[in-house]
């Protein structure tokens, strides 16, 4: 599994951390669980899903070839 289950007893969210990279390289990210009680600092964004057939690959939690929509890849 790519991530741990959220604890139903604690208000939690998953945050996606994007690693710094050079232009035109594969995007590498880490998904981590944080408690909202810790008041984590994050930036949220909204984007429109597109055709699910139009995908790109990123690295997520050290797993290569994780597919996301090209729209999300562009935003990341």
Protein backbone atom coordinates (compact mmCIF):
# COMPACT_ATOMS: atom_id res chain seq x y z
CA UNK A 1 0.00 0.00 0.00
CA UNK A 2 1.23 3.50 -0.82
CA UNK A 3 0.06 5.04 2.46
CA UNK A 4 -1.13 4.20 5.97
CA UNK A 5 -4.80 4.31 6.95
CA UNK A 6 -5.99 7.43 8.74
CA UNK A 7 -6.74 7.13 12.46
CA UNK A 8 -10.50 7.64 12.93
CA UNK A 9 -9.88 8.96 16.47
CA UNK A 10 -7.59 11.81 15.37
CA UNK A 11 -8.36 14.52 12.81
CA UNK A 12 -5.77 13.69 10.14
CA UNK A 13 -5.04 14.48 6.53
CA UNK A 14 -2.47 13.30 4.02
CA UNK A 15 -0.07 15.87 2.62
CA UNK A 16 1.84 15.50 -0.60
CA UNK A 17 5.39 16.84 -0.39
CA UNK A 18 6.95 17.57 -3.76
CA UNK A 19 10.72 17.16 -3.83
CA UNK A 20 12.79 19.84 -5.52
CA UNK A 21 13.89 18.81 -8.99
CA UNK A 22 15.28 20.18 -12.19
CA UNK A 23 13.08 21.20 -15.07
CA UNK A 24 11.97 18.30 -17.29
CA UNK A 25 12.72 15.54 -14.78
CA UNK A 26 10.32 13.03 -13.27
CA UNK A 27 8.41 14.53 -10.35
CA UNK A 28 9.13 12.87 -7.03
CA UNK A 29 6.70 13.16 -4.10
CA UNK A 30 6.17 11.80 -0.63
CA UNK A 31 2.75 11.29 0.89
CA UNK A 32 2.65 11.67 4.66
CA UNK A 33 -0.06 11.63 7.30
CA UNK A 34 -0.30 14.59 9.68
CA UNK A 35 -2.58 15.48 12.55
CA UNK A 36 -4.64 18.63 12.15
CA UNK A 37 -4.09 19.16 15.88
CA UNK A 38 -0.48 19.99 15.03
CA UNK A 39 -1.63 22.82 12.74
CA UNK A 40 0.52 21.73 9.80
CA UNK A 41 1.61 24.37 7.32
CA UNK A 42 0.47 23.51 3.79
CA UNK A 43 -0.83 25.00 0.59
CA UNK A 44 -3.95 23.53 -0.95
CA UNK A 45 -4.84 23.76 -4.61
CA UNK A 46 -7.75 22.77 -6.74
CA UNK A 47 -7.56 21.51 -10.26
CA UNK A 48 -9.95 20.03 -12.78
CA UNK A 49 -9.66 16.33 -13.59
CA UNK A 50 -9.29 15.57 -17.22
CA UNK A 51 -9.48 12.48 -19.33
CA UNK A 52 -8.14 9.65 -17.16
CA UNK A 53 -6.51 8.16 -20.25
CA UNK A 54 -4.15 11.14 -20.48
CA UNK A 55 -1.56 10.23 -17.83
CA UNK A 56 1.98 10.95 -16.79
CA UNK A 57 4.24 9.08 -14.39
CA UNK A 58 5.67 10.40 -11.14
CA UNK A 59 7.58 8.84 -8.26
CA UNK A 60 5.44 8.51 -5.13
CA UNK A 61 6.94 7.25 -1.86
CA UNK A 62 9.88 5.82 -3.84
CA UNK A 63 7.53 3.86 -6.14
CA UNK A 64 8.30 4.67 -9.74
CA UNK A 65 5.72 4.80 -12.53
CA UNK A 66 2.82 6.03 -10.36
CA UNK A 67 0.26 7.32 -12.85
CA UNK A 68 -1.49 10.68 -12.45
CA UNK A 69 -3.44 12.75 -14.93
CA UNK A 70 -1.31 15.07 -17.05
CA UNK A 71 -3.29 17.97 -15.60
CA UNK A 72 -2.10 17.06 -12.08
CA UNK A 73 1.47 16.50 -13.26
CA UNK A 74 1.49 19.98 -14.82
CA UNK A 75 0.24 21.52 -11.57
CA UNK A 76 2.85 19.70 -9.48
